[in-house]
Structure formats: C-alpha cells, structure tokens
Amino acid sequence: MPRHISRTYQRAAQAHSKVMAARQSMLSRTPAPAAETEEPMRRYVFPISQPVRTAPAQEELSAALTQVLEHQAAQEQLLTDLLEAVKALTSALLNQAPKD
C-alpha cells in the first residue's frame, strides 16, 4: 500500500526558499548606501512642553463630586421613567383585543 506524503511542509519550504532567493537577488542588485551621506535621525523626547499638574483643592473636589452625584441621580430618574413607559406600552399591547 503506498504511503500518502504530505506536501504541506514541502510547499512551505519551497515558498520560503523562493522568497529568500528573491531577497538575495534584490540585495545584490542595489548598491549599499554610503554611510557618510546619511543624516542622523534627530529624536525629540518632548517637543511640546507638558503642562504642570497640580492637585485640586478639597473644596473643588467636593463640588465636583456633588455635581457628579446630581447628574447620576437625574440619569437614574430618566431611566426609571423610561422603564415605566416601556412597561405601560407593553401591557397596553398585551391587553389589546385582536381585531378580527
């Protein structure tokens, strides 16, 4: 009985060898760049000055937290109202008599 030979690895190896040969031929065609003609890359760590961060005062934090809590309470009330409206519409649709 002949044994089935997988060509998966053979094809991958052939493809790899073709790619390497193409790279080698490209490298042999192009002349090496002259090192003295290249300018060095200039890197700037922080080209834009960073703002100085200061800790906010306790009163500012308290006012901001109070504002956040007020907005959260308003959102919760809106969501509760929407839920009630959806419940009312659902019950109205379920209780609607079929028109036959």
C-alpha atoms as a PDB file:
ATOM      1  CA  MET A   1       0.000   0.000   0.000  1.00  0.00           C
ATOM      2  CA  PRO A   2       1.563   3.354  -0.993  1.00  0.00           C
ATOM      3  CA  ARG A   3       2.022   5.841   1.779  1.00  0.00           C
ATOM      4  CA  HIS A   4       0.450   9.291   1.359  1.00  0.00           C
ATOM      5  CA  ILE A   5       3.092  12.003   1.624  1.00  0.00           C
ATOM      6  CA  SER A   6       2.022  15.398   2.888  1.00  0.00           C
ATOM      7  CA  ARG A   7       3.196  18.236   0.677  1.00  0.00           C
ATOM      8  CA  THR A   8       2.332  20.929   3.169  1.00  0.00           C
ATOM      9  CA  TYR A   9       5.827  21.314   4.563  1.00  0.00           C
ATOM     10  CA  GLN A  10       7.463  20.827   1.166  1.00  0.00           C
ATOM     11  CA  ARG A  11       5.435  23.667  -0.344  1.00  0.00           C
ATOM     12  CA  ALA A  12       6.193  25.954   2.586  1.00  0.00           C
ATOM     13  CA  ALA A  13       9.897  25.197   2.296  1.00  0.00           C
ATOM     14  CA  GLN A  14       9.805  25.845  -1.449  1.00  0.00           C
ATOM     15  CA  ALA A  15       7.996  29.155  -0.934  1.00  0.00           C
ATOM     16  CA  HIS A  16      10.485  30.164   1.748  1.00  0.00           C
ATOM     17  CA  SER A  17      13.439  29.351  -0.496  1.00  0.00           C
ATOM     18  CA  LYS A  18      11.895  31.397  -3.338  1.00  0.00           C
ATOM     19  CA  VAL A  19      11.409  34.386  -1.049  1.00  0.00           C
ATOM     20  CA  MET A  20      14.957  34.149   0.265  1.00  0.00           C
ATOM     21  CA  ALA A  21      16.325  33.895  -3.285  1.00  0.00           C
ATOM     22  CA  ALA A  22      14.327  36.981  -4.326  1.00  0.00           C
ATOM     23  CA  ARG A  23      15.619  38.927  -1.332  1.00  0.00           C
ATOM     24  CA  GLN A  24      19.175  37.898  -2.092  1.00  0.00           C
ATOM     25  CA  SER A  25      18.851  38.971  -5.715  1.00  0.00           C
ATOM     26  CA  MET A  26      17.378  42.345  -4.679  1.00  0.00           C
ATOM     27  CA  LEU A  27      20.206  42.921  -2.213  1.00  0.00           C
ATOM     28  CA  SER A  28      22.830  42.039  -4.801  1.00  0.00           C
ATOM     29  CA  ARG A  29      21.325  44.469  -7.354  1.00  0.00           C
ATOM     30  CA  THR A  30      21.075  47.547  -5.141  1.00  0.00           C
ATOM     31  CA  PRO A  31      24.321  49.251  -4.130  1.00  0.00           C
ATOM     32  CA  ALA A  32      24.919  49.743  -0.442  1.00  0.00           C
ATOM     33  CA  PRO A  33      24.143  53.332   0.678  1.00  0.00           C
ATOM     34  CA  ALA A  34      27.083  55.440   1.660  1.00  0.00           C
ATOM     35  CA  ALA A  35      27.218  55.957   5.400  1.00  0.00           C
ATOM     36  CA  GLU A  36      28.629  59.478   5.191  1.00  0.00           C
ATOM     37  CA  THR A  37      25.720  60.805   3.098  1.00  0.00           C
ATOM     38  CA  GLU A  38      23.025  59.832   5.593  1.00  0.00           C
ATOM     39  CA  GLU A  39      21.989  62.335   8.192  1.00  0.00           C
ATOM     40  CA  PRO A  40      21.404  61.044  11.693  1.00  0.00           C
ATOM     41  CA  MET A  41      17.833  60.926  12.911  1.00  0.00           C
ATOM     42  CA  ARG A  42      17.028  63.617  15.417  1.00  0.00           C
ATOM     43  CA  ARG A  43      14.776  62.487  18.200  1.00  0.00           C
ATOM     44  CA  TYR A  44      12.944  64.835  20.486  1.00  0.00           C
ATOM     45  CA  VAL A  45      11.599  63.358  23.691  1.00  0.00           C
ATOM     46  CA  PHE A  46       9.005  66.054  24.390  1.00  0.00           C
ATOM     47  CA  PRO A  47       8.837  68.591  21.559  1.00  0.00           C
ATOM     48  CA  ILE A  48       5.808  70.253  23.216  1.00  0.00           C
ATOM     49  CA  SER A  49       6.139  71.333  26.808  1.00  0.00           C
ATOM     50  CA  GLN A  50       3.939  69.367  29.160  1.00  0.00           C
ATOM     51  CA  PRO A  51       1.600  71.279  31.490  1.00  0.00           C
ATOM     52  CA  VAL A  52       2.348  71.163  35.179  1.00  0.00           C
ATOM     53  CA  ARG A  53      -0.311  69.202  37.010  1.00  0.00           C
ATOM     54  CA  THR A  54      -1.413  70.441  40.396  1.00  0.00           C
ATOM     55  CA  ALA A  55      -3.646  68.665  42.851  1.00  0.00           C
ATOM     56  CA  PRO A  56      -7.107  70.257  43.071  1.00  0.00           C
ATOM     57  CA  ALA A  57      -8.247  71.751  46.353  1.00  0.00           C
ATOM     58  CA  GLN A  58     -10.563  69.809  48.653  1.00  0.00           C
ATOM     59  CA  GLU A  59     -13.422  72.265  48.032  1.00  0.00           C
ATOM     60  CA  GLU A  60     -13.124  71.796  44.267  1.00  0.00           C
ATOM     61  CA  LEU A  61     -13.204  68.028  44.668  1.00  0.00           C
ATOM     62  CA  SER A  62     -16.243  68.216  46.902  1.00  0.00           C
ATOM     63  CA  ALA A  63     -18.106  70.458  44.454  1.00  0.00           C
ATOM     64  CA  ALA A  64     -17.205  68.223  41.509  1.00  0.00           C
ATOM     65  CA  LEU A  65     -18.341  65.069  43.322  1.00  0.00           C
ATOM     66  CA  THR A  66     -21.610  66.735  44.319  1.00  0.00           C
ATOM     67  CA  GLN A  67     -22.206  67.679  40.680  1.00  0.00           C
ATOM     68  CA  VAL A  68     -21.475  64.123  39.532  1.00  0.00           C
ATOM     69  CA  LEU A  69     -23.907  62.701  42.079  1.00  0.00           C
ATOM     70  CA  GLU A  70     -26.625  65.148  40.970  1.00  0.00           C
ATOM     71  CA  HIS A  71     -26.164  64.152  37.326  1.00  0.00           C
ATOM     72  CA  GLN A  72     -26.238  60.487  38.273  1.00  0.00           C
ATOM     73  CA  ALA A  73     -29.483  60.936  40.211  1.00  0.00           C
ATOM     74  CA  ALA A  74     -31.033  62.734  37.214  1.00  0.00           C
ATOM     75  CA  GLN A  75     -29.969  59.904  34.892  1.00  0.00           C
ATOM     76  CA  GLU A  76     -31.405  57.289  37.223  1.00  0.00           C
ATOM     77  CA  GLN A  77     -34.717  59.166  37.315  1.00  0.00           C
ATOM     78  CA  LEU A  78     -34.802  59.346  33.500  1.00  0.00           C
ATOM     79  CA  LEU A  79     -34.088  55.633  33.217  1.00  0.00           C
ATOM     80  CA  THR A  80     -36.824  54.841  35.740  1.00  0.00           C
ATOM     81  CA  ASP A  81     -39.311  56.956  33.784  1.00  0.00           C
ATOM     82  CA  LEU A  82     -38.329  55.230  30.534  1.00  0.00           C
ATOM     83  CA  LEU A  83     -38.729  51.808  32.125  1.00  0.00           C
ATOM     84  CA  GLU A  84     -42.195  52.699  33.377  1.00  0.00           C
ATOM     85  CA  ALA A  85     -43.173  53.956  29.924  1.00  0.00           C
ATOM     86  CA  VAL A  86     -41.959  50.728  28.309  1.00  0.00           C
ATOM     87  CA  LYS A  87     -43.863  48.669  30.852  1.00  0.00           C
ATOM     88  CA  ALA A  88     -47.028  50.688  30.205  1.00  0.00           C
ATOM     89  CA  LEU A  89     -46.722  50.266  26.434  1.00  0.00           C
ATOM     90  CA  THR A  90     -46.051  46.558  26.784  1.00  0.00           C
ATOM     91  CA  SER A  91     -49.065  45.995  28.982  1.00  0.00           C
ATOM     92  CA  ALA A  92     -51.243  48.055  26.609  1.00  0.00           C
ATOM     93  CA  LEU A  93     -50.118  45.936  23.644  1.00  0.00           C
ATOM     94  CA  LEU A  94     -50.661  42.691  25.518  1.00  0.00           C
ATOM     95  CA  ASN A  95     -54.120  43.693  26.705  1.00  0.00           C
ATOM     96  CA  GLN A  96     -55.207  44.917  23.272  1.00  0.00           C
ATOM     97  CA  ALA A  97     -58.028  42.808  21.919  1.00  0.00           C
ATOM     98  CA  PRO A  98     -57.372  41.259  18.499  1.00  0.00           C
ATOM     99  CA  LYS A  99     -59.401  42.933  15.744  1.00  0.00           C
ATOM    100  CA  ASP A 100     -60.936  40.046  13.844  1.00  0.00           C
END
